[in-house]
Protein backbone atom coordinates (compact mmCIF):
# COMPACT_ATOMS: atom_id res chain seq x y z
CA UNK A 1 -9.09 0.57 -1.67
CA UNK A 2 -8.97 -2.53 -3.65
CA UNK A 3 -7.67 -2.46 -7.36
CA UNK A 4 -8.70 -5.68 -9.62
CA UNK A 5 -5.68 -5.82 -12.37
CA UNK A 6 -7.33 -6.56 -15.94
CA UNK A 7 -5.19 -7.56 -17.43
CA UNK A 8 -3.07 -9.11 -14.65
CA UNK A 9 0.67 -8.73 -14.51
CA UNK A 10 3.38 -11.67 -14.06
CA UNK A 11 5.54 -10.83 -10.92
CA UNK A 12 8.67 -12.16 -9.16
CA UNK A 13 8.11 -13.00 -5.46
CA UNK A 14 10.07 -14.51 -2.61
CA UNK A 15 8.03 -17.73 -3.35
CA UNK A 16 8.34 -17.66 -7.11
CA UNK A 17 6.74 -16.19 -10.03
CA UNK A 18 3.19 -15.26 -9.79
CA UNK A 19 0.05 -13.48 -11.51
CA UNK A 20 -1.23 -10.32 -9.64
CA UNK A 21 -4.77 -10.62 -9.07
CA UNK A 22 -5.29 -7.46 -6.65
CA UNK A 23 -3.55 -4.72 -5.06
CA UNK A 24 -4.70 -3.46 -1.70
CA UNK A 25 -4.06 -0.06 -0.67
CA UNK A 26 -4.19 0.58 3.23
CA UNK A 27 -3.63 4.19 3.08
CA UNK A 28 -0.45 6.40 3.21
CA UNK A 29 1.10 5.01 6.43
CA UNK A 30 1.14 1.19 5.32
CA UNK A 31 2.74 -0.40 2.23
CA UNK A 32 0.55 -1.62 -0.42
CA UNK A 33 -0.60 -5.52 -0.42
CA UNK A 34 -0.30 -7.62 -3.59
CA UNK A 35 -2.50 -10.61 -3.90
CA UNK A 36 -0.76 -12.78 -6.43
CA UNK A 37 -1.61 -16.36 -7.45
CA UNK A 38 1.59 -18.46 -7.54
CA UNK A 39 2.24 -20.05 -10.98
CA UNK A 40 3.78 -23.41 -9.74
CA UNK A 41 1.27 -24.09 -6.95
CA UNK A 42 -1.79 -21.98 -7.64
CA UNK A 43 -1.77 -20.65 -4.08
CA UNK A 44 -2.75 -17.55 -3.60
CA UNK A 45 -0.53 -15.27 -1.16
CA UNK A 46 -0.37 -11.70 0.03
CA UNK A 47 2.88 -10.04 -0.31
CA UNK A 48 4.23 -6.48 0.72
CA UNK A 49 4.97 -3.97 -2.23
CA UNK A 50 8.74 -4.36 -1.29
CA UNK A 51 8.52 -8.13 -2.15
CA UNK A 52 7.52 -7.68 -5.49
CA UNK A 53 9.31 -7.32 -8.71
CA UNK A 54 8.13 -6.97 -12.26
CA UNK A 55 8.69 -10.15 -14.32
CA UNK A 56 10.86 -9.79 -17.44
CA UNK A 57 8.79 -9.32 -20.50
CA UNK A 58 11.02 -9.67 -23.62
CA UNK A 59 8.22 -8.39 -26.13
CA UNK A 60 7.92 -5.16 -24.54
CA UNK A 61 11.51 -4.99 -22.99
CA UNK A 62 10.27 -4.80 -19.50
CA UNK A 63 12.92 -5.67 -16.53
CA UNK A 64 15.54 -6.95 -18.67
CA UNK A 65 18.29 -5.69 -16.62
CA UNK A 66 17.01 -8.18 -13.87
CA UNK A 67 18.21 -11.02 -15.99
CA UNK A 68 21.39 -9.28 -17.05
CA UNK A 69 20.47 -7.88 -20.57
CA UNK A 70 21.64 -4.45 -20.06
CA UNK A 71 24.37 -4.63 -22.37
CA UNK A 72 22.26 -5.92 -25.29
CA UNK A 73 19.60 -3.28 -25.15
CA UNK A 74 19.84 -0.42 -27.67
CA UNK A 75 21.14 2.68 -26.14
CA UNK A 76 17.65 4.58 -26.39
CA UNK A 77 16.12 2.04 -24.16
CA UNK A 78 18.59 2.14 -21.40
């Protein structure tokens, strides 16, 4: 199954920040494959789901701990 993300999401990969275009699910015996356009080069690469981390989004408070903001978050958001 191929899922096109709309809207796309920004993620961190071993090759840098990128925009997720598609997620490919091959079934329960294999990890999902993320198709990502890299921000700096525009190159489109495939990544295993274990290599993808959601980028920090300060507006929505997503993944703030990844950048060391856990002590600045309100108690109810931890």
